[in-house]
Amino acid sequence: MAVALAAVLAGGYYYTQANGSDGVVVESQEPEIQTATVRQGELVISALGAGTVVPAAEINLGFRSAGVLTGLAVRVGDTVAAGDELARIDTAEAEQGLINAELALAKLMMQSDATTAEAGTSYNEIALAQAQLNLSQAENFLNELRNWSPDEGEIAVAEANVAAAEAGLNSAQGQSSSAYYGLEISQLNLTQAERSLAEAQANHAAVWDEARDWEVVYTESICDAGEQEPCTGQTWADRIARERESADTSLLRAQEDLQLAQFQYNQTAAGNSNGSSVASAETSLLNAQLSLTAAQTGPTEAELEAAEAAVLQAELAYQQALLNQESGLLDLEQARLNVVAAQTALTETVLVAPIAGTIMEVTAEVGESVGTATFILLADLEQPVLEIFLDESDLNMVGVGFEVEVVFDALPDDTFVGTIVQVDPQLTEQSGLNVVRAVVQLNEESFAKPQTLPVGLNATVEVIGGRAENALLIPVEALRELTPENYSVFVMNGDDLELRSVEVGLADFTFAEITAGLEAGEIVTTGIVETE
């Protein structure tokens, strides 16, 4: 095989060329084989890109609720630790919200939580117990109606009650008749007293008529000569005085008699309740008769239906009480959550740093009203981080964990190293080009400067896609790809050529790493150089 390949690639040959008519025969020159020696060295596969220093973490901060800024503890450039106070807003609204939430919780605890009540029970438990009792009573009553049977003792009692009610009605009716006549008499007496008063008033008015005032001062005897006998000898003044005194007395007595008659009438009328007594006695008799009928015949269909409806209603009320109890427990739990939320809202009136870092931006002042928008920018600048961009053709050269070498434009004499910690899953457009974006974490050991790297610092980055040290290297021209991913090389064995299979590792446009099939110092062919 070696001899045959040598004959094909490196054997001498002659050819004859007709040159006009002289038939000169020219001997061709033998082609020259180009070779290379297998050597040990380092092979690095990399891709170049651009990068910029960015914060390792950057957080925009603001309050969860609006308020007036009452305190601001930081300014741009300050460094803070996690948990440090940054700012605070007015707490009045949050404090009132907490008070309201606590009051609502206390009310619901009385409603639903028996452990918090001095009585040892809650309103919902009382309502549930009452509903259960009502249901039990309704069911018992319905069972009694359904299982009814005549009771001789009950019938006897009902008959006795009917008899007593009939006697009561008769008595009430008799008393009603007697009271009626007494009221009539009182009415007649009242009418007579009113008439007597009217007559006394008329007589009084006549006696005290001003037309008779002359008699008061006329002292002559009434019995003048020629007047009718017997003559009493009294004067006109005496008679009018006596008549007026008698009229006053008669009027006073008539008024008193009328008052007495009116009082007696009112008393008689007030005591005359026999009409209502009769109605009450009639109602008692009817009820007694109905009770007797019920004792004799049992419940009616309507009574059974009413009892069944009462049981259904009691059952619904009991289920409602159960639902109210469950709903009350949910409301109670919600009230507890509301208290926690209100406490959190009060706590959040103070804004604290979630991480350690540097204040990059503050856009509000004390006294201003701040909403829920962010107004403080906090960044972690302790651990240098780069945002890098590479051409999309170098996508296979970028991966998480790949090594990166960095040279900053401002520090051209220093080389920093780092590791790719993030590769975006989609391409990013930059200046109209699609590029690969990745994040690089710089190793602190490679940065010995006392100052930190400022945000925005530009750099050139080299992503190491692969590195082979003390590797066997040959020019890529020496490789012969027989089948996909199956390579061979021609190895010089004295003056002969030997085709040998090899395993290839890393490779760039110039050299390839041989992981098996060759040894250092062996010579391989890279092609044929023709000579004239």
Protein backbone atom coordinates (compact mmCIF):
# COMPACT_ATOMS: atom_id res chain seq x y z
CA MET A 1 0.00 0.00 0.00
CA ALA A 2 2.80 2.42 0.96
CA VAL A 3 4.66 1.66 -2.26
CA ALA A 4 1.57 2.16 -4.39
CA LEU A 5 0.70 5.51 -2.73
CA ALA A 6 4.31 6.60 -3.09
CA ALA A 7 4.17 5.83 -6.77
CA VAL A 8 1.03 7.90 -7.18
CA LEU A 9 2.12 10.91 -5.10
CA ALA A 10 5.90 11.04 -5.44
CA GLY A 11 7.10 8.73 -8.28
CA GLY A 12 9.14 10.24 -11.11
CA TYR A 13 7.67 10.20 -14.60
CA TYR A 14 8.59 11.24 -18.11
CA TYR A 15 6.57 12.57 -20.90
CA THR A 16 7.38 13.34 -24.53
CA GLN A 17 6.47 16.64 -26.05
CA ALA A 18 6.52 17.26 -29.78
CA ASN A 19 8.21 20.58 -30.38
CA GLY A 20 7.85 21.38 -34.03
CA SER A 21 9.55 19.03 -36.45
CA ASP A 22 12.75 18.54 -34.57
CA GLY A 23 11.19 15.92 -32.26
CA VAL A 24 13.05 17.05 -29.20
CA VAL A 25 12.23 14.89 -26.15
CA VAL A 26 12.16 16.82 -22.85
CA GLU A 27 12.38 15.07 -19.52
CA SER A 28 9.89 16.48 -16.92
CA GLN A 29 10.95 17.51 -13.43
CA GLU A 30 9.82 15.42 -10.44
CA PRO A 31 7.11 17.13 -8.23
CA GLU A 32 8.20 18.26 -4.76
CA ILE A 33 6.28 17.03 -1.62
CA GLN A 34 5.67 19.63 1.14
CA THR A 35 5.90 18.32 4.71
CA ALA A 36 5.55 19.43 8.32
CA THR A 37 6.78 18.03 11.60
CA VAL A 38 4.35 17.05 14.34
CA ARG A 39 5.13 19.38 17.27
CA GLN A 40 3.93 20.07 20.76
CA GLY A 41 2.41 23.43 21.60
CA GLU A 42 -0.62 25.39 22.75
CA LEU A 43 -3.73 25.90 20.64
CA VAL A 44 -6.31 28.49 21.61
CA ILE A 45 -9.69 28.89 19.90
CA SER A 46 -11.22 32.31 20.56
CA ALA A 47 -13.57 35.01 19.35
CA LEU A 48 -13.27 38.78 19.77
CA GLY A 49 -16.01 41.09 20.96
CA ALA A 50 -16.70 44.35 22.79
CA GLY A 51 -17.79 44.82 26.38
CA THR A 52 -18.88 47.43 28.91
CA VAL A 53 -18.73 47.42 32.72
CA VAL A 54 -22.22 47.17 34.23
CA PRO A 55 -23.39 46.72 37.85
CA ALA A 56 -23.57 43.15 39.09
CA ALA A 57 -27.07 43.98 40.35
CA GLU A 58 -29.15 47.10 39.79
CA ILE A 59 -32.42 47.73 41.61
CA ASN A 60 -34.92 50.57 41.20
CA LEU A 61 -36.51 51.30 44.57
CA GLY A 62 -39.71 53.05 45.60
CA PHE A 63 -42.56 52.81 48.12
CA ARG A 64 -45.50 50.45 47.69
CA SER A 65 -47.94 53.25 48.54
CA ALA A 66 -48.00 56.99 47.90
CA GLY A 67 -47.14 59.53 50.58
CA VAL A 68 -45.18 62.61 51.52
CA LEU A 69 -41.44 62.00 51.81
CA THR A 70 -40.54 62.86 55.41
CA GLY A 71 -36.98 61.52 55.49
CA LEU A 72 -34.15 60.84 53.02
CA ALA A 73 -31.05 59.19 54.48
CA VAL A 74 -28.86 58.81 51.36
CA ARG A 75 -27.52 60.73 48.40
CA VAL A 76 -25.83 59.76 45.14
CA GLY A 77 -22.54 57.96 45.72
CA ASP A 78 -23.31 56.70 49.23
CA THR A 79 -22.60 53.06 49.97
CA VAL A 80 -25.16 51.19 52.03
CA ALA A 81 -25.47 47.77 53.62
CA ALA A 82 -28.44 45.49 53.22
CA GLY A 83 -31.18 46.61 55.61
CA ASP A 84 -30.01 50.23 55.92
CA GLU A 85 -32.75 52.86 55.93
CA LEU A 86 -32.91 54.85 52.69
CA ALA A 87 -36.07 56.97 53.05
CA ARG A 88 -39.43 57.18 54.80
CA ILE A 89 -42.89 58.63 54.16
CA ASP A 90 -45.68 59.94 56.43
CA THR A 91 -47.17 57.12 58.55
CA ALA A 92 -50.58 58.61 59.50
CA GLU A 93 -52.58 56.80 56.82
CA ALA A 94 -50.82 53.47 57.43
CA GLU A 95 -51.33 53.76 61.21
CA GLN A 96 -55.06 54.45 60.73
CA GLY A 97 -55.29 51.50 58.37
CA LEU A 98 -53.75 49.25 61.01
CA ILE A 99 -56.18 50.50 63.68
CA ASN A 100 -59.16 49.85 61.39
CA ALA A 101 -57.90 46.37 60.53
CA GLU A 102 -57.37 45.50 64.21
CA LEU A 103 -60.89 46.71 65.12
CA ALA A 104 -62.42 44.67 62.31
CA LEU A 105 -60.47 41.63 63.51
CA ALA A 106 -61.68 42.10 67.11
CA LYS A 107 -65.29 42.29 65.95
CA LEU A 108 -65.00 39.16 63.83
CA MET A 109 -63.26 37.31 66.65
CA MET A 110 -66.32 37.95 68.87
CA GLN A 111 -68.49 36.76 66.01
CA SER A 112 -66.61 33.56 65.26
CA ASP A 113 -63.83 32.77 67.76
CA ALA A 114 -65.14 31.44 71.10
CA THR A 115 -61.65 31.29 72.59
CA THR A 116 -61.41 35.08 72.64
CA ALA A 117 -64.80 35.79 74.28
CA GLU A 118 -65.23 36.05 78.05
CA ALA A 119 -68.50 34.12 77.77
CA GLY A 120 -66.66 31.17 76.24
CA THR A 121 -68.84 31.16 73.12
CA SER A 122 -69.30 33.18 69.96
CA TYR A 123 -72.32 34.73 68.28
CA ASN A 124 -72.14 32.22 65.45
CA GLU A 125 -72.02 29.28 67.86
CA ILE A 126 -75.07 30.63 69.72
CA ALA A 127 -76.96 31.06 66.46
CA LEU A 128 -76.01 27.54 65.37
CA ALA A 129 -77.12 26.02 68.70
CA GLN A 130 -80.44 27.91 68.55
CA ALA A 131 -81.04 26.77 64.97
CA GLN A 132 -80.29 23.17 65.95
CA LEU A 133 -82.71 23.42 68.90
CA ASN A 134 -85.46 24.86 66.67
CA LEU A 135 -84.95 22.06 64.18
CA SER A 136 -85.15 19.42 66.92
CA GLN A 137 -88.38 20.92 68.29
CA ALA A 138 -89.95 21.11 64.83
CA GLU A 139 -89.01 17.49 64.10
CA ASN A 140 -90.40 16.32 67.46
CA PHE A 141 -93.68 18.13 66.87
CA LEU A 142 -94.02 16.64 63.39
CA ASN A 143 -93.33 13.16 64.76
CA GLU A 144 -96.02 13.68 67.40
CA LEU A 145 -98.56 14.62 64.74
CA ARG A 146 -97.65 11.69 62.52
CA ASN A 147 -97.84 9.22 65.43
CA TRP A 148 -101.03 10.66 66.95
CA SER A 149 -103.52 8.36 68.71
CA PRO A 150 -106.63 9.25 70.83
CA ASP A 151 -105.96 9.89 74.55
CA GLU A 152 -109.02 9.37 76.76
CA GLY A 153 -107.54 11.50 79.52
CA GLU A 154 -106.84 14.33 77.12
CA ILE A 155 -110.38 14.06 75.72
CA ALA A 156 -111.87 14.21 79.23
CA VAL A 157 -109.84 17.29 80.06
CA ALA A 158 -110.91 18.91 76.79
CA GLU A 159 -114.61 18.16 77.52
CA ALA A 160 -114.26 19.66 81.00
CA ASN A 161 -112.68 22.75 79.49
CA VAL A 162 -115.62 23.08 77.08
CA ALA A 163 -118.10 22.86 79.96
CA ALA A 164 -116.17 25.45 81.96
CA ALA A 165 -116.00 27.74 78.95
CA GLU A 166 -119.78 27.45 78.41
CA ALA A 167 -120.40 28.34 82.08
CA GLY A 168 -118.06 31.29 81.78
CA LEU A 169 -119.91 32.52 78.72
CA ASN A 170 -123.31 32.29 80.45
CA SER A 171 -121.98 34.22 83.46
CA ALA A 172 -120.49 36.90 81.25
CA GLN A 173 -123.74 37.27 79.35
CA GLY A 174 -125.74 37.67 82.66
CA GLN A 175 -123.31 40.26 83.95
CA SER A 176 -123.56 42.09 80.67
CA SER A 177 -127.37 42.44 80.99
CA SER A 178 -127.15 43.77 84.56
CA ALA A 179 -124.48 46.24 83.65
CA TYR A 180 -126.59 47.45 80.75
CA TYR A 181 -129.47 48.48 83.01
CA GLY A 182 -127.12 50.17 85.48
CA LEU A 183 -125.66 52.21 82.65
CA GLU A 184 -129.14 53.25 81.52
CA ILE A 185 -130.02 54.52 85.00
CA SER A 186 -126.76 56.45 85.21
CA GLN A 187 -127.53 58.00 81.86
CA LEU A 188 -131.01 59.13 83.08
CA ASN A 189 -129.54 60.64 86.23
CA LEU A 190 -126.95 62.48 84.18
CA THR A 191 -129.64 63.85 81.87
CA GLN A 192 -131.79 65.03 84.82
CA ALA A 193 -128.80 66.72 86.43
CA GLU A 194 -128.03 68.54 83.20
CA ARG A 195 -131.68 69.72 83.00
CA SER A 196 -131.69 70.90 86.62
CA LEU A 197 -128.50 72.85 86.02
CA ALA A 198 -130.02 74.54 83.01
CA GLU A 199 -133.09 75.58 85.06
CA ALA A 200 -130.88 76.86 87.92
CA GLN A 201 -128.80 78.84 85.44
CA ALA A 202 -131.94 80.39 83.91
CA ASN A 203 -133.38 81.32 87.34
CA HIS A 204 -130.05 82.75 88.42
CA ALA A 205 -129.85 84.88 85.32
CA ALA A 206 -133.39 86.21 85.86
CA VAL A 207 -132.84 87.09 89.52
CA TRP A 208 -129.54 88.80 88.83
CA ASP A 209 -130.90 90.69 85.84
CA GLU A 210 -129.71 94.31 85.93
CA ALA A 211 -133.28 95.46 85.41
CA ARG A 212 -134.00 94.49 89.01
CA ASP A 213 -131.06 96.30 90.55
CA TRP A 214 -133.43 99.14 91.68
CA GLU A 215 -134.98 96.78 94.17
CA VAL A 216 -131.68 96.62 96.06
CA VAL A 217 -131.96 100.25 97.13
CA TYR A 218 -135.74 100.40 97.48
CA THR A 219 -136.52 100.08 101.20
CA GLU A 220 -140.27 100.59 101.09
CA SER A 221 -142.51 97.81 102.28
CA ILE A 222 -143.91 95.57 99.67
CA CYS A 223 -147.30 95.61 101.36
CA ASP A 224 -148.56 99.07 100.40
CA ALA A 225 -152.22 100.10 100.93
CA GLY A 226 -154.47 98.32 98.63
CA GLU A 227 -152.09 95.42 97.88
CA GLN A 228 -153.10 91.85 98.36
CA GLU A 229 -152.86 90.44 101.85
CA PRO A 230 -151.28 88.96 103.86
CA CYS A 231 -148.52 91.46 104.01
CA THR A 232 -145.22 90.25 105.33
CA GLY A 233 -143.86 93.65 105.85
CA GLN A 234 -140.59 92.90 104.00
CA THR A 235 -139.04 95.49 101.81
CA TRP A 236 -138.21 95.27 98.18
CA ALA A 237 -134.50 95.18 99.04
CA ASP A 238 -134.97 92.28 101.45
CA ARG A 239 -136.83 90.20 98.90
CA ILE A 240 -134.34 90.69 96.06
CA ALA A 241 -131.49 89.86 98.42
CA ARG A 242 -133.16 86.65 99.50
CA GLU A 243 -134.07 85.68 95.93
CA ARG A 244 -130.51 86.24 94.72
CA GLU A 245 -129.02 84.29 97.63
CA SER A 246 -131.41 81.42 96.92
CA ALA A 247 -130.53 81.51 93.20
CA ASP A 248 -126.78 81.33 93.99
CA THR A 249 -127.34 78.38 96.29
CA SER A 250 -129.55 76.57 93.75
CA LEU A 251 -126.98 77.07 90.93
CA LEU A 252 -124.12 75.75 93.08
CA ARG A 253 -126.13 72.69 94.11
CA ALA A 254 -127.15 72.00 90.49
CA GLN A 255 -123.50 72.15 89.39
CA GLU A 256 -122.46 69.74 92.13
CA ASP A 257 -125.33 67.38 91.26
CA LEU A 258 -124.22 67.37 87.61
CA GLN A 259 -120.61 66.57 88.54
CA LEU A 260 -121.77 63.72 90.75
CA ALA A 261 -124.07 62.34 88.04
CA GLN A 262 -121.25 62.57 85.47
CA PHE A 263 -118.83 60.76 87.80
CA GLN A 264 -121.35 58.00 88.48
CA TYR A 265 -122.01 57.61 84.77
CA ASN A 266 -118.29 57.38 83.96
CA GLN A 267 -117.74 54.80 86.67
CA THR A 268 -120.64 52.70 85.43
CA ALA A 269 -119.47 52.95 81.82
CA ALA A 270 -115.88 52.09 82.78
CA GLY A 271 -116.98 49.09 84.78
CA ASN A 272 -119.20 47.89 82.01
CA SER A 273 -116.59 45.58 80.35
CA ASN A 274 -119.03 42.78 80.01
CA GLY A 275 -119.16 43.26 76.25
CA SER A 276 -115.51 42.39 75.97
CA SER A 277 -115.92 39.76 78.70
CA VAL A 278 -118.59 38.10 76.61
CA ALA A 279 -116.34 38.18 73.52
CA SER A 280 -113.48 36.75 75.54
CA ALA A 281 -115.72 34.04 76.94
CA GLU A 282 -116.93 33.19 73.43
CA THR A 283 -113.28 32.93 72.23
CA SER A 284 -112.42 30.68 75.17
CA LEU A 285 -115.38 28.45 74.35
CA LEU A 286 -114.34 28.24 70.69
CA ASN A 287 -110.79 27.32 71.62
CA ALA A 288 -111.99 24.71 74.08
CA GLN A 289 -114.25 23.21 71.40
CA LEU A 290 -111.38 23.14 68.89
CA SER A 291 -109.13 21.46 71.46
CA LEU A 292 -111.82 18.87 72.08
CA THR A 293 -112.18 18.25 68.36
CA ALA A 294 -108.39 17.91 68.01
CA ALA A 295 -108.24 15.50 70.96
CA GLN A 296 -110.98 13.41 69.36
CA THR A 297 -109.95 13.50 65.69
CA GLY A 298 -106.16 14.18 65.68
CA PRO A 299 -104.21 16.56 63.39
CA THR A 300 -105.65 17.69 60.10
CA GLU A 301 -103.87 17.41 56.76
CA ALA A 302 -103.24 21.15 56.84
CA GLU A 303 -101.63 20.88 60.27
CA LEU A 304 -99.36 18.08 59.04
CA GLU A 305 -98.35 20.14 56.01
CA ALA A 306 -97.68 23.14 58.23
CA ALA A 307 -95.53 21.03 60.57
CA GLU A 308 -93.59 19.60 57.63
CA ALA A 309 -93.02 23.10 56.29
CA ALA A 310 -91.83 24.19 59.73
CA VAL A 311 -89.29 21.32 59.79
CA LEU A 312 -88.04 22.28 56.31
CA GLN A 313 -87.72 25.90 57.33
CA ALA A 314 -85.86 24.95 60.51
CA GLU A 315 -83.53 22.69 58.49
CA LEU A 316 -82.77 25.55 56.10
CA ALA A 317 -82.14 27.88 59.03
CA TYR A 318 -79.76 25.32 60.55
CA GLN A 319 -77.85 24.94 57.26
CA GLN A 320 -77.68 28.72 56.99
CA ALA A 321 -76.25 28.89 60.50
CA LEU A 322 -73.60 26.32 59.51
CA LEU A 323 -72.70 28.33 56.42
CA ASN A 324 -72.57 31.51 58.48
CA GLN A 325 -70.18 29.83 60.89
CA GLU A 326 -67.90 28.67 58.06
CA SER A 327 -68.14 32.05 56.36
CA GLY A 328 -67.34 33.74 59.66
CA LEU A 329 -64.17 31.66 60.03
CA LEU A 330 -63.11 32.66 56.51
CA ASP A 331 -63.86 36.30 57.28
CA LEU A 332 -61.85 35.96 60.48
CA GLU A 333 -58.88 34.56 58.61
CA GLN A 334 -59.17 37.33 56.04
CA ALA A 335 -59.28 39.89 58.86
CA ARG A 336 -56.08 38.41 60.30
CA LEU A 337 -54.46 38.69 56.88
CA ASN A 338 -55.67 42.27 56.64
CA VAL A 339 -53.98 43.06 59.95
CA VAL A 340 -50.75 41.52 58.69
CA ALA A 341 -51.07 43.51 55.47
CA ALA A 342 -51.73 46.70 57.45
CA GLN A 343 -48.69 46.00 59.64
CA THR A 344 -46.62 45.41 56.52
CA ALA A 345 -47.92 48.65 55.00
CA LEU A 346 -46.85 50.51 58.14
CA THR A 347 -43.44 48.84 58.04
CA GLU A 348 -43.10 49.73 54.36
CA THR A 349 -43.36 53.43 55.12
CA VAL A 350 -39.62 53.01 55.72
CA LEU A 351 -37.64 52.10 52.59
CA VAL A 352 -34.60 49.90 53.28
CA ALA A 353 -31.82 48.64 51.05
CA PRO A 354 -32.48 45.03 49.92
CA ILE A 355 -28.82 44.54 49.08
CA ALA A 356 -25.51 46.18 49.82
CA GLY A 357 -24.46 48.62 47.12
CA THR A 358 -23.95 52.16 45.94
CA ILE A 359 -26.65 54.81 45.45
CA MET A 360 -26.58 55.67 41.74
CA GLU A 361 -29.60 57.97 41.51
CA VAL A 362 -32.06 59.87 43.76
CA THR A 363 -34.91 61.78 42.08
CA ALA A 364 -37.01 63.05 45.03
CA GLU A 365 -36.61 65.48 47.91
CA VAL A 366 -38.03 65.63 51.46
CA GLY A 367 -41.49 67.20 51.43
CA GLU A 368 -42.38 65.95 47.97
CA SER A 369 -45.29 63.60 47.36
CA VAL A 370 -43.98 60.31 46.04
CA GLY A 371 -46.14 57.69 44.40
CA THR A 372 -45.35 54.08 43.70
CA ALA A 373 -42.82 55.01 41.00
CA THR A 374 -39.16 54.34 41.78
CA PHE A 375 -36.94 57.25 42.78
CA ILE A 376 -33.75 55.56 44.08
CA LEU A 377 -31.38 53.46 41.97
CA LEU A 378 -29.15 51.07 43.95
CA ALA A 379 -26.36 49.10 42.27
CA ASP A 380 -23.85 46.46 43.39
CA LEU A 381 -20.43 47.64 42.20
CA GLU A 382 -18.27 45.38 44.37
CA GLN A 383 -17.97 42.51 41.89
CA PRO A 384 -17.00 43.78 38.39
CA VAL A 385 -19.38 42.53 35.67
CA LEU A 386 -19.17 43.06 31.91
CA GLU A 387 -21.90 43.05 29.32
CA ILE A 388 -20.29 41.74 26.12
CA PHE A 389 -21.44 41.45 22.50
CA LEU A 390 -20.06 39.16 19.78
CA ASP A 391 -20.95 38.58 16.16
CA GLU A 392 -23.60 35.95 15.62
CA SER A 393 -21.13 33.90 13.56
CA ASP A 394 -19.23 33.28 16.82
CA LEU A 395 -22.26 31.77 18.55
CA ASN A 396 -20.55 28.37 18.84
CA MET A 397 -17.67 30.06 20.65
CA VAL A 398 -19.80 31.41 23.50
CA GLY A 399 -21.09 29.39 26.41
CA VAL A 400 -21.62 29.60 30.16
CA GLY A 401 -18.35 28.81 31.94
CA PHE A 402 -16.14 29.87 29.01
CA GLU A 403 -12.97 31.77 29.94
CA VAL A 404 -12.64 35.41 28.85
CA GLU A 405 -9.64 37.71 28.62
CA VAL A 406 -10.39 41.45 28.88
CA VAL A 407 -8.37 44.56 28.03
CA PHE A 408 -9.98 47.87 28.95
CA ASP A 409 -9.49 50.86 26.72
CA ALA A 410 -8.52 52.94 29.75
CA LEU A 411 -6.06 50.26 31.02
CA PRO A 412 -4.37 48.90 27.89
CA ASP A 413 -1.43 47.39 29.75
CA ASP A 414 -3.52 45.19 32.02
CA THR A 415 -5.26 41.95 31.08
CA PHE A 416 -8.17 40.81 33.17
CA VAL A 417 -9.68 37.36 33.18
CA GLY A 418 -13.22 36.27 33.83
CA THR A 419 -15.88 33.70 33.14
CA ILE A 420 -19.11 33.86 31.14
CA VAL A 421 -22.01 33.45 33.60
CA GLN A 422 -24.94 34.18 31.27
CA VAL A 423 -25.72 33.92 27.56
CA ASP A 424 -28.98 35.41 26.28
CA PRO A 425 -31.24 32.85 24.60
CA GLN A 426 -31.96 35.26 21.73
CA LEU A 427 -29.89 37.57 19.57
CA THR A 428 -29.76 41.29 20.33
CA GLU A 429 -29.79 44.02 17.71
CA GLN A 430 -26.89 46.46 17.93
CA SER A 431 -26.36 49.16 15.27
CA GLY A 432 -28.49 47.19 12.86
CA LEU A 433 -26.61 43.92 13.42
CA ASN A 434 -27.69 40.80 15.22
CA VAL A 435 -25.20 40.00 17.96
CA VAL A 436 -24.84 37.55 20.83
CA ARG A 437 -25.13 39.14 24.28
CA ALA A 438 -23.43 37.56 27.30
CA VAL A 439 -22.47 38.55 30.84
CA VAL A 440 -18.93 38.09 32.16
CA GLN A 441 -17.95 37.89 35.82
CA LEU A 442 -14.41 39.19 36.29
CA ASN A 443 -12.14 37.41 38.71
CA GLU A 444 -11.24 39.71 41.60
CA GLU A 445 -7.72 38.24 41.72
CA SER A 446 -6.97 39.68 38.30
CA PHE A 447 -7.85 43.22 39.37
CA ALA A 448 -5.23 44.70 41.69
CA LYS A 449 -6.17 48.36 41.36
CA PRO A 450 -7.36 50.11 44.54
CA GLN A 451 -10.34 51.70 42.79
CA THR A 452 -13.39 49.89 41.44
CA LEU A 453 -14.09 49.71 37.72
CA PRO A 454 -16.50 52.55 36.89
CA VAL A 455 -19.79 51.66 35.25
CA GLY A 456 -19.65 52.25 31.50
CA LEU A 457 -15.93 51.45 31.08
CA ASN A 458 -15.34 49.96 27.58
CA ALA A 459 -13.18 46.91 26.85
CA THR A 460 -12.10 44.47 24.17
CA VAL A 461 -12.87 40.88 25.11
CA GLU A 462 -11.54 37.59 23.84
CA VAL A 463 -13.73 34.59 24.54
CA ILE A 464 -11.70 31.42 24.81
CA GLY A 465 -13.72 28.76 23.03
CA GLY A 466 -11.13 26.11 23.65
CA ARG A 467 -7.55 25.71 24.83
CA ALA A 468 -5.16 22.81 24.41
CA GLU A 469 -1.79 22.87 26.17
CA ASN A 470 1.17 20.55 25.34
CA ALA A 471 -0.93 19.30 22.46
CA LEU A 472 0.34 17.54 19.29
CA LEU A 473 -0.21 20.06 16.48
CA ILE A 474 -0.12 19.73 12.70
CA PRO A 475 -1.15 22.14 9.93
CA VAL A 476 -4.78 21.74 8.92
CA GLU A 477 -3.61 21.16 5.32
CA ALA A 478 -2.23 17.78 6.44
CA LEU A 479 -5.68 16.45 7.26
CA ARG A 480 -7.53 14.24 4.79
CA GLU A 481 -11.28 13.86 5.56
CA LEU A 482 -12.19 10.40 4.25
CA THR A 483 -15.72 10.45 5.68
CA PRO A 484 -17.47 13.05 7.87
CA GLU A 485 -15.55 13.44 11.13
CA ASN A 486 -13.12 10.65 10.04
CA TYR A 487 -9.62 11.98 9.30
CA SER A 488 -6.30 10.56 8.09
CA VAL A 489 -2.83 11.95 7.32
CA PHE A 490 0.11 10.87 5.14
CA VAL A 491 3.13 10.13 7.33
CA MET A 492 6.66 9.99 5.85
CA ASN A 493 8.18 6.62 6.56
CA GLY A 494 11.65 6.97 5.04
CA ASP A 495 11.05 7.59 1.35
CA ASP A 496 7.62 6.03 1.53
CA LEU A 497 4.25 7.54 2.50
CA GLU A 498 1.97 5.86 5.03
CA LEU A 499 -1.75 6.74 5.27
CA ARG A 500 -2.68 6.76 8.94
CA SER A 501 -6.02 7.43 10.73
CA VAL A 502 -5.93 10.11 13.40
CA GLU A 503 -8.30 11.61 15.99
CA VAL A 504 -8.68 15.38 15.85
CA GLY A 505 -9.39 17.68 18.85
CA LEU A 506 -9.40 21.46 18.61
CA ALA A 507 -8.73 23.15 15.28
CA ASP A 508 -8.56 26.67 13.95
CA PHE A 509 -7.82 27.97 10.48
CA THR A 510 -4.10 27.08 10.81
CA PHE A 511 -3.49 24.18 13.15
CA ALA A 512 -5.30 21.09 14.39
CA GLU A 513 -4.85 19.18 17.63
CA ILE A 514 -4.16 15.44 17.21
CA THR A 515 -5.33 13.45 20.19
CA ALA A 516 -4.44 9.98 18.80
CA GLY A 517 -2.56 8.49 15.82
CA LEU A 518 0.62 10.55 15.78
CA GLU A 519 3.67 11.24 17.91
CA ALA A 520 5.80 14.30 18.28
CA GLY A 521 8.62 14.49 15.71
CA GLU A 522 6.86 12.50 12.99
CA ILE A 523 6.64 14.10 9.57
CA VAL A 524 3.37 14.49 7.71
CA THR A 525 2.71 15.74 4.22
CA THR A 526 0.75 18.93 3.64
CA GLY A 527 0.54 18.69 -0.18
CA ILE A 528 2.61 18.77 -3.36
CA VAL A 529 4.47 21.78 -4.65
CA GLU A 530 4.87 21.59 -8.45
CA THR A 531 8.07 22.91 -10.01
CA GLU A 532 8.59 24.14 -13.56
